[in-house]
Amino acid sequence: MKEQQADTFKCEICGLHYNDKIDAQKCQEWCSKHNSCDLEVTARSIEASKSHHIFS
């Protein structure tokens, strides 16, 4: 886990960004252990928050 900008943290394995350091650490731990992403953690990523689509 690497700090990017002020208060932004990146998982070094999958590259997702988080505002919360703990979420970034959880992401990196999961990625390194399972070689995949945990949907519960990635849902809190900055990328996920930018991609919420509303379908009618």
C-alpha atoms as a PDB file:
ATOM      1  CA  MET A   1       0.000   0.000   0.000  1.00  0.00           C
ATOM      2  CA  LYS A   2       1.422   3.309  -1.094  1.00  0.00           C
ATOM      3  CA  GLU A   3       0.313   6.813  -0.194  1.00  0.00           C
ATOM      4  CA  GLN A   4      -0.467   8.785  -3.343  1.00  0.00           C
ATOM      5  CA  GLN A   5      -1.829  12.289  -2.851  1.00  0.00           C
ATOM      6  CA  ALA A   6      -2.773  13.674   0.538  1.00  0.00           C
ATOM      7  CA  ASP A   7      -5.239  11.219   2.080  1.00  0.00           C
ATOM      8  CA  THR A   8      -5.250   8.902  -0.954  1.00  0.00           C
ATOM      9  CA  PHE A   9      -3.815   5.395  -0.758  1.00  0.00           C
ATOM     10  CA  LYS A  10      -3.188   2.849  -3.513  1.00  0.00           C
ATOM     11  CA  CYS A  11      -3.143  -0.941  -3.449  1.00  0.00           C
ATOM     12  CA  GLU A  12       0.151  -1.848  -5.093  1.00  0.00           C
ATOM     13  CA  ILE A  13      -1.237  -5.119  -6.434  1.00  0.00           C
ATOM     14  CA  CYS A  14      -4.487  -4.181  -8.181  1.00  0.00           C
ATOM     15  CA  GLY A  15      -3.955  -0.428  -8.382  1.00  0.00           C
ATOM     16  CA  LEU A  16      -7.231   0.689  -6.801  1.00  0.00           C
ATOM     17  CA  HIS A  17      -7.201   3.913  -4.778  1.00  0.00           C
ATOM     18  CA  TYR A  18      -8.768   4.551  -1.387  1.00  0.00           C
ATOM     19  CA  ASN A  19      -9.389   7.555   0.835  1.00  0.00           C
ATOM     20  CA  ASP A  20      -8.973   5.327   3.888  1.00  0.00           C
ATOM     21  CA  LYS A  21      -5.600   3.776   4.688  1.00  0.00           C
ATOM     22  CA  ILE A  22      -7.194   0.771   6.397  1.00  0.00           C
ATOM     23  CA  ASP A  23      -9.276  -0.062   3.307  1.00  0.00           C
ATOM     24  CA  ALA A  24      -6.151   0.143   1.137  1.00  0.00           C
ATOM     25  CA  GLN A  25      -4.326  -2.195   3.518  1.00  0.00           C
ATOM     26  CA  LYS A  26      -7.240  -4.657   3.503  1.00  0.00           C
ATOM     27  CA  CYS A  27      -7.292  -4.552  -0.288  1.00  0.00           C
ATOM     28  CA  GLN A  28      -3.582  -5.214  -0.579  1.00  0.00           C
ATOM     29  CA  GLU A  29      -3.701  -8.055   1.968  1.00  0.00           C
ATOM     30  CA  TRP A  30      -6.611  -9.711   0.145  1.00  0.00           C
ATOM     31  CA  CYS A  31      -5.030  -9.264  -3.289  1.00  0.00           C
ATOM     32  CA  SER A  32      -1.715 -10.745  -2.204  1.00  0.00           C
ATOM     33  CA  LYS A  33      -3.314 -13.693  -0.414  1.00  0.00           C
ATOM     34  CA  HIS A  34      -6.042 -14.603  -2.935  1.00  0.00           C
ATOM     35  CA  ASN A  35      -4.732 -13.159  -6.223  1.00  0.00           C
ATOM     36  CA  SER A  36      -8.143 -11.526  -6.685  1.00  0.00           C
ATOM     37  CA  CYS A  37     -10.168  -8.570  -5.398  1.00  0.00           C
ATOM     38  CA  ASP A  38     -12.629  -8.624  -2.502  1.00  0.00           C
ATOM     39  CA  LEU A  39     -15.878  -7.034  -3.692  1.00  0.00           C
ATOM     40  CA  GLU A  40     -16.707  -5.695  -0.228  1.00  0.00           C
ATOM     41  CA  VAL A  41     -13.415  -3.790  -0.095  1.00  0.00           C
ATOM     42  CA  THR A  42     -13.300  -2.682  -3.720  1.00  0.00           C
ATOM     43  CA  ALA A  43     -16.794  -1.226  -3.359  1.00  0.00           C
ATOM     44  CA  ARG A  44     -15.199   1.418  -1.111  1.00  0.00           C
ATOM     45  CA  SER A  45     -12.516   2.340  -3.655  1.00  0.00           C
ATOM     46  CA  ILE A  46     -12.394   5.751  -5.305  1.00  0.00           C
ATOM     47  CA  GLU A  47     -12.837   4.107  -8.697  1.00  0.00           C
ATOM     48  CA  ALA A  48     -16.030   2.362  -7.544  1.00  0.00           C
ATOM     49  CA  SER A  49     -17.475   5.583  -6.169  1.00  0.00           C
ATOM     50  CA  LYS A  50     -16.929   7.259  -9.539  1.00  0.00           C
ATOM     51  CA  SER A  51     -18.564   4.477 -11.535  1.00  0.00           C
ATOM     52  CA  HIS A  52     -21.969   4.162  -9.854  1.00  0.00           C
ATOM     53  CA  HIS A  53     -24.548   4.004 -12.611  1.00  0.00           C
ATOM     54  CA  ILE A  54     -28.257   4.478 -12.145  1.00  0.00           C
ATOM     55  CA  PHE A  55     -30.409   2.413 -14.462  1.00  0.00           C
ATOM     56  CA  SER A  56     -34.096   3.083 -14.933  1.00  0.00           C
END
